Structures are given as C-alpha cells and as structure tokens.
Protein backbone atom coordinates (compact mmCIF):
# COMPACT_ATOMS: atom_id res chain seq x y z
CA MET A 1 135.31 95.47 116.50
CA PHE A 2 135.80 92.55 114.12
CA GLU A 3 137.11 93.91 110.86
CA ILE A 4 135.26 91.99 108.14
CA PHE A 5 136.38 94.11 105.20
CA GLY A 6 139.77 95.31 106.44
CA LYS A 7 141.08 98.44 104.75
CA THR A 8 138.90 99.29 101.77
CA GLN A 9 139.00 101.99 99.10
CA ILE A 10 135.46 101.87 97.68
CA ASP A 11 134.47 104.93 95.70
CA PHE A 12 131.07 105.57 97.27
CA VAL A 13 130.88 109.20 96.07
CA GLY A 14 131.78 108.30 92.49
CA LYS A 15 128.76 106.05 92.23
CA ARG A 16 126.40 108.64 93.63
CA TYR A 17 124.46 109.40 90.43
CA PHE A 18 123.50 105.76 89.94
CA PHE A 19 122.35 105.40 93.48
CA PHE A 20 120.60 108.80 93.49
CA THR A 21 118.56 107.57 90.45
CA LEU A 22 117.72 104.32 92.23
CA SER A 23 116.74 106.22 95.40
CA THR A 24 114.61 108.67 93.41
CA LEU A 25 112.63 105.76 92.02
CA LEU A 26 112.16 104.31 95.52
CA VAL A 27 110.98 107.66 96.92
CA ALA A 28 108.65 108.16 93.95
CA LEU A 29 107.14 104.73 94.61
CA GLY A 30 106.69 105.66 98.27
CA LEU A 31 105.02 108.99 97.42
CA PHE A 32 102.69 107.24 95.00
CA SER A 33 101.88 104.70 97.71
CA LEU A 34 101.18 107.50 100.19
CA VAL A 35 98.73 109.13 97.72
CA GLN A 36 97.00 105.81 97.14
CA ILE A 37 96.73 105.17 100.88
CA SER A 38 95.20 108.58 101.45
CA ARG A 39 92.64 107.72 98.78
CA GLY A 40 91.84 104.45 100.43
CA LYS A 41 93.18 102.49 97.47
CA ALA A 42 95.58 100.36 99.51
CA ASN A 43 95.21 97.29 101.70
CA LEU A 44 94.30 99.33 104.79
CA GLY A 45 93.97 97.56 108.14
CA ILE A 46 91.06 98.16 110.50
CA ASP A 47 93.12 100.84 112.24
CA PHE A 48 92.74 103.09 109.16
CA ALA A 49 89.79 101.60 107.27
CA GLY A 50 87.59 100.86 110.27
CA GLY A 51 86.22 97.50 111.32
CA ALA A 52 86.15 95.09 114.28
CA ALA A 53 88.65 93.07 116.20
CA ILE A 54 87.52 90.29 118.52
CA GLN A 55 89.65 87.93 120.60
CA LEU A 56 88.31 84.66 121.82
CA LYS A 57 89.80 82.23 124.35
CA PHE A 58 88.71 78.59 124.05
CA ASN A 59 88.90 75.82 126.70
CA GLN A 60 90.32 73.42 124.09
CA PRO A 61 92.53 73.87 121.04
CA ILE A 62 90.78 74.94 117.87
CA HIS A 63 92.06 74.47 114.34
CA ILE A 64 92.34 77.74 112.42
CA ASP A 65 90.96 76.18 109.22
CA ALA A 66 87.86 75.00 111.10
CA ALA A 67 87.43 78.53 112.58
CA ARG A 68 87.75 80.04 109.12
CA LYS A 69 85.02 77.73 107.76
CA VAL A 70 82.70 78.81 110.56
CA LEU A 71 83.18 82.49 109.69
CA ASP A 72 82.78 81.79 105.99
CA ASP A 73 79.47 80.02 106.60
CA SER A 74 78.31 82.95 108.69
CA GLY A 75 78.97 85.46 105.88
CA LEU A 76 82.31 86.81 107.09
CA LYS A 77 84.46 85.34 104.30
CA ASN A 78 87.26 87.91 104.36
CA ALA A 79 87.95 87.80 108.09
CA GLU A 80 91.63 87.77 109.15
CA LEU A 81 92.54 85.15 111.73
CA GLN A 82 95.53 85.01 114.08
CA GLN A 83 96.00 82.10 116.42
CA VAL A 84 97.92 81.74 119.66
CA VAL A 85 98.13 77.99 119.89
CA GLN A 86 99.58 77.74 123.41
CA ASP A 87 96.75 79.71 124.99
CA ASN A 88 93.94 78.52 122.70
CA ARG A 89 93.30 82.15 121.70
CA LEU A 90 91.88 83.29 118.38
CA LEU A 91 92.05 86.90 117.14
CA ILE A 92 89.47 87.79 114.45
CA ARG A 93 89.82 91.01 112.49
CA ILE A 94 87.15 92.15 110.07
CA LYS A 95 87.40 95.26 107.88
CA LYS A 96 84.43 97.64 107.75
CA GLN A 97 83.72 97.01 104.12
CA ASP A 98 83.42 93.30 104.85
CA ILE A 99 80.83 93.73 107.57
CA VAL A 100 77.49 93.13 105.83
CA GLN A 101 75.43 93.38 108.95
CA GLN A 102 75.66 94.91 112.41
CA ASN A 103 76.22 93.09 115.71
CA VAL A 104 79.39 91.36 114.48
CA ARG A 105 80.38 90.24 117.98
CA GLU A 106 77.00 88.55 118.53
CA ARG A 107 77.16 86.83 115.14
CA ILE A 108 80.58 85.46 115.82
CA GLN A 109 79.63 84.18 119.29
CA GLU A 110 76.52 82.52 117.90
CA ALA A 111 78.41 80.91 115.05
CA PHE A 112 81.14 79.39 117.23
CA SER A 113 78.69 78.33 119.93
CA LYS A 114 76.66 76.34 117.36
CA SER A 115 79.65 74.85 115.57
CA PHE A 116 81.64 73.95 118.71
CA PRO A 117 79.18 73.28 121.50
CA ASP A 118 81.71 71.16 123.43
CA ASN A 119 84.48 73.78 123.29
CA GLN A 120 83.44 76.69 125.52
CA PHE A 121 84.96 80.12 124.95
CA VAL A 122 84.91 83.64 126.32
CA VAL A 123 85.25 86.96 124.52
CA GLU A 124 88.39 88.49 126.00
CA SER A 125 88.26 91.73 124.02
CA SER A 126 86.11 93.34 121.36
CA THR A 127 87.00 96.55 119.56
CA GLU A 128 85.17 98.38 116.78
CA ILE A 129 86.70 101.28 114.86
CA GLY A 130 84.51 103.48 112.66
CA PRO A 131 85.74 105.05 109.39
CA THR A 132 85.96 108.48 111.01
CA VAL A 133 88.28 107.23 113.68
CA GLY A 134 90.28 105.44 111.06
CA GLN A 135 90.77 108.64 109.06
CA LYS A 136 91.87 110.44 112.24
CA LEU A 137 94.41 107.68 112.92
CA GLN A 138 95.81 108.14 109.36
CA LYS A 139 96.28 111.85 109.94
CA ASP A 140 97.80 111.26 113.42
CA ALA A 141 100.23 108.68 111.96
CA LEU A 142 101.33 111.13 109.25
CA VAL A 143 101.78 113.89 111.82
CA ALA A 144 103.87 111.53 113.96
CA VAL A 145 106.18 110.80 111.07
CA LEU A 146 106.54 114.47 110.15
CA ILE A 147 107.26 115.48 113.72
CA SER A 148 109.93 112.82 114.01
CA MET A 149 111.57 114.10 110.81
CA PHE A 150 111.61 117.65 112.12
CA CYS A 151 113.18 116.52 115.36
CA ILE A 152 115.86 114.71 113.37
CA ILE A 153 116.80 117.98 111.54
CA VAL A 154 116.98 119.85 114.87
CA TYR A 155 119.04 117.17 116.59
CA ILE A 156 121.56 116.66 113.78
CA ALA A 157 121.83 120.43 113.17
CA PHE A 158 122.68 120.85 116.85
CA ARG A 159 124.95 117.81 116.97
CA PHE A 160 126.81 118.61 113.71
CA GLU A 161 125.74 121.25 111.18
CA PHE A 162 122.56 122.22 109.42
CA ARG A 163 123.69 120.60 106.16
CA PHE A 164 124.22 117.36 108.06
CA GLY A 165 120.69 117.60 109.42
CA ILE A 166 119.20 118.11 105.99
CA ALA A 167 121.15 115.16 104.57
CA ALA A 168 120.16 112.87 107.44
CA THR A 169 116.48 113.88 107.15
CA VAL A 170 116.44 113.26 103.39
CA ALA A 171 118.03 109.87 103.89
CA THR A 172 115.54 108.99 106.63
CA PHE A 173 112.57 110.08 104.51
CA HIS A 174 114.08 107.98 101.75
CA ASP A 175 114.13 104.89 103.97
CA VAL A 176 110.56 105.40 105.22
CA PHE A 177 109.08 105.97 101.73
CA ALA A 178 111.08 103.06 100.23
CA VAL A 179 109.67 100.55 102.81
CA LEU A 180 106.18 102.02 102.51
CA GLY A 181 106.35 101.64 98.71
CA ILE A 182 107.50 98.05 98.89
CA PHE A 183 104.70 97.25 101.33
CA PHE A 184 102.20 98.81 98.93
CA VAL A 185 103.53 96.78 95.97
CA LEU A 186 103.44 93.59 98.01
CA ASN A 187 99.80 94.43 98.99
CA LYS A 188 100.73 94.14 102.70
CA GLU A 189 98.29 95.54 105.22
CA ILE A 190 98.88 99.19 106.11
CA ASN A 191 98.14 99.61 109.82
CA LEU A 192 99.48 101.23 113.00
CA LEU A 193 101.95 98.37 113.50
CA LEU A 194 103.60 99.38 110.19
CA VAL A 195 103.74 103.00 111.30
CA THR A 196 105.51 101.79 114.48
CA ALA A 197 107.99 99.88 112.34
CA LEU A 198 108.61 102.98 110.13
CA LEU A 199 109.30 105.15 113.14
CA THR A 200 111.57 102.46 114.60
CA LEU A 201 113.62 102.14 111.39
CA ALA A 202 113.76 105.92 111.16
CA GLY A 203 115.56 105.92 114.49
CA TYR A 204 117.81 103.08 113.36
CA SER A 205 118.62 104.81 110.08
CA LEU A 206 119.45 108.03 111.96
CA THR A 207 121.82 106.13 114.32
CA ASP A 208 123.60 104.48 111.41
CA THR A 209 123.95 107.76 109.57
CA VAL A 210 125.33 109.56 112.66
CA VAL A 211 128.16 106.99 112.93
CA VAL A 212 129.26 107.93 109.38
CA PHE A 213 128.72 111.63 109.85
CA ASP A 214 130.72 111.65 113.02
CA ARG A 215 133.77 110.24 111.18
CA ILE A 216 133.29 112.69 108.34
CA ARG A 217 133.27 115.60 110.77
CA GLU A 218 136.41 114.37 112.46
CA ASN A 219 138.23 113.98 109.16
CA LEU A 220 137.09 117.38 107.88
CA LYS A 221 138.75 119.02 110.94
CA SER A 222 142.06 117.21 110.46
CA ARG A 223 142.21 117.10 106.63
CA ARG A 224 141.14 120.54 105.55
CA LYS A 225 143.41 120.61 102.48
CA GLU A 226 141.95 117.44 100.94
CA SER A 227 138.92 117.38 98.66
CA LEU A 228 135.49 116.73 100.22
CA GLU A 229 135.01 113.78 97.88
CA GLN A 230 138.14 112.09 99.24
CA VAL A 231 137.27 112.85 102.88
CA ILE A 232 133.71 111.40 102.48
CA ASN A 233 134.97 108.25 100.72
CA ASP A 234 137.70 107.64 103.32
CA SER A 235 135.30 108.24 106.18
CA ILE A 236 132.72 105.72 104.91
CA ASN A 237 135.47 103.15 104.30
CA GLN A 238 136.87 103.67 107.78
CA VAL A 239 133.59 102.83 109.46
CA LEU A 240 132.42 100.27 106.87
CA SER A 241 133.07 97.22 109.03
CA ARG A 242 131.47 98.87 112.06
CA THR A 243 128.23 99.87 110.31
CA PHE A 244 128.09 96.50 108.52
CA ASN A 245 128.53 94.58 111.77
CA THR A 246 125.79 96.64 113.42
CA SER A 247 123.41 96.12 110.48
CA VAL A 248 124.03 92.38 110.37
CA THR A 249 123.41 92.04 114.12
CA VAL A 250 120.10 93.89 113.89
CA PHE A 251 119.20 92.02 110.66
CA LEU A 252 119.68 88.60 112.31
CA ALA A 253 117.60 89.65 115.28
CA VAL A 254 114.58 90.85 113.19
CA LEU A 255 115.02 87.85 110.89
CA ALA A 256 114.54 85.58 113.90
CA ILE A 257 111.42 87.53 114.89
CA TYR A 258 110.12 87.24 111.30
CA PHE A 259 110.39 83.44 111.30
CA PHE A 260 109.66 82.63 114.97
CA GLY A 261 107.78 85.63 116.31
CA GLY A 262 104.34 84.60 115.14
CA GLU A 263 101.79 86.13 112.80
CA VAL A 264 101.01 89.06 114.98
CA ILE A 265 104.37 90.79 114.37
CA HIS A 266 105.21 89.17 111.01
CA ASP A 267 104.70 92.33 108.99
CA PHE A 268 106.48 94.47 111.61
CA ALA A 269 109.54 92.20 111.30
CA LEU A 270 109.37 92.30 107.54
CA ALA A 271 109.33 96.13 107.58
CA MET A 272 112.30 96.14 109.93
CA ILE A 273 114.24 93.70 107.68
CA LEU A 274 113.67 95.95 104.69
CA GLY A 275 114.46 99.01 106.77
CA VAL A 276 117.82 97.67 108.00
CA ILE A 277 118.87 96.86 104.44
CA ILE A 278 117.69 100.17 102.97
CA GLY A 279 118.88 102.20 105.96
CA THR A 280 122.42 100.79 105.66
CA TYR A 281 122.47 101.44 101.95
CA SER A 282 121.22 105.03 102.40
CA SER A 283 123.90 105.80 104.99
CA TRP A 284 126.63 104.85 102.51
CA PHE A 285 125.19 105.92 99.17
CA VAL A 286 122.64 108.63 99.89
CA ALA A 287 123.19 110.62 103.17
CA SER A 288 126.94 111.08 102.79
CA PRO A 289 127.07 111.98 99.07
CA LEU A 290 124.30 114.50 99.72
CA LEU A 291 126.83 116.56 101.69
CA LEU A 292 128.83 116.95 98.48
CA LEU A 293 125.70 117.90 96.56
CA TRP A 294 124.82 120.46 99.23
CA ARG A 295 128.28 122.10 98.93
CA LYS A 296 127.98 122.39 95.18
CA SER A 297 124.48 123.85 95.44
CA VAL A 298 125.63 126.49 97.93
CA SER A 299 128.57 127.37 95.68
CA VAL A 300 126.22 127.88 92.67
CA LEU A 301 123.97 130.12 94.75
CA LYS A 302 126.94 132.21 95.91
CA ARG A 303 128.18 132.71 92.40
CA ALA A 304 124.62 133.74 91.26
C-alpha cells in the first residue's frame, strides 16, 4: 500500500496517560448522555419518544418553507420536514409531546388540501409510535449494543487472547460512548438511525483494532526478549500507513454522504465521520496501550 508516513518511531505507549485521561472524559460524557437519554432529557426522535411520521407525494413540486408555514398555522409548529425534491415527496415527523390533538394524519391532509388545492397529493405512509413502544425500542437498542460488545469479546478472545478481547471491547465501548456524548452535546436527535451508525462504527473500530493487534501478536512471537512497550510501539508504527489509508478512504466516503446524501442520512453520516476519527485514534492510543496496562495489573495481582 502507499506509504504516507514511511518508517516512523512515534512513542504511542509513552503518551498513554494523556490519552487515557482524554478518553476517560469522553467516556464519562457518553455515560452521562446515556443516563440523560434514559431519563428522556435528550433530543429523542419519534423512535424513542413516540410520535407520528407521515409521507406525502405531491403531483407538483412544493417548497419546504411553504409546507412548514402550513403546519405552523395548523398548530404543528415543531414538526420536522424532510424533502425529496426529485419525487415531490415530503416526510413529516412530529414528536408525541408536540401533538396537541389526535388525528394528526387527518389534520395534515386537511391543512395541505386547503392551502394547495391545485397540487394534489397522496399519503404514501403513515406511522404512529406510542411512548410505550418508544421505551421498548430504547431497551432493545441498548440490548443490541451490549450483545454486540459481548460478541466482540468472544471473537477477539478466540482470534487472539482474552486480554486482546478485553482491550478491543473497551476501545469499542469508548468509541460508541464518545460519539453518543458528542451527539448529546450537539443536541442532535437520538433515534434508531443513530443506533445503526453506532453499531456500524463499532464494527469498523473492531476491524481497525484487529489490524494493529495482528501485528502485535506476530511481533510478540518473534521478539520475545524485547519489552512489551517496544513491541507495541513498533507494531503500531509498522501498520500506521495502512490504518491511516483505510481511515482516510472511509472518511472521504462518509464525508461525501454527509454533504450529498440528503437530510435523511445526514446525522448517520455525521456519526460515522466522528466514529472513523475516534475509532482510528482509539486503535493507536487506547486499545494497544491497554495491553500494557493489563499485563501490569496481572503482575500486581500475582504478587498480591
């Protein structure tokens, strides 16, 4: 592969305490965000908070500002609109707390029929999610993340060693919580699409970490007399260009999706952009140095 950095001698392990501190803050932010989400104190989407989603298809193009004014006049001022210009489609999402009356679908149909009598439309889909269903989806999403983390431990433990599995899982949890915390701070909507992004970046982070771990394992077999610190540093430096090239390739792809993919997957792409950056960082500065921390912890326990 194209060697961007050439032969490097970066002391990744020597900087571990600084990056462990930074990562601890990111994870703490993520845990705080998770608590706030469970309490309903975040910007929850209709998947988790409950609400209604209605998709309309018009015969003629409709301007999104005009559609928003129609909904504002009908008492649905906080409705979220997503437009597919090419197909004259309009997706309307309304959270449960913003629905002041029942029969939301009928109200929307009536409002648009009166405001645009010459632009006929049909309701292509209409979905309503109650708060109880939303709470169940929250629990199911959390279970999905926990199961994926458990599977990571099992896979890495089988592929390498148990200590590698623990380090990879901690790094993956770190990536997931970091992105979740940033989304919470940015007041981005927390929905199932974000959960999909988190599970996707967990897989990406694992793949990136395995590349580094594979080189560490190879070097541990052939360089038994050298210190673990030196082996880890050399291993990361040896695959630095490879992991960087992979990260840049994925980053450019999701960056294109972010700018040109449309509003529907805008937040998904943003989560992936953050995940690629944080996942690459954690492979170098979190997962690998954790192996050293694990060895020291085991040595302390044996002496005790």
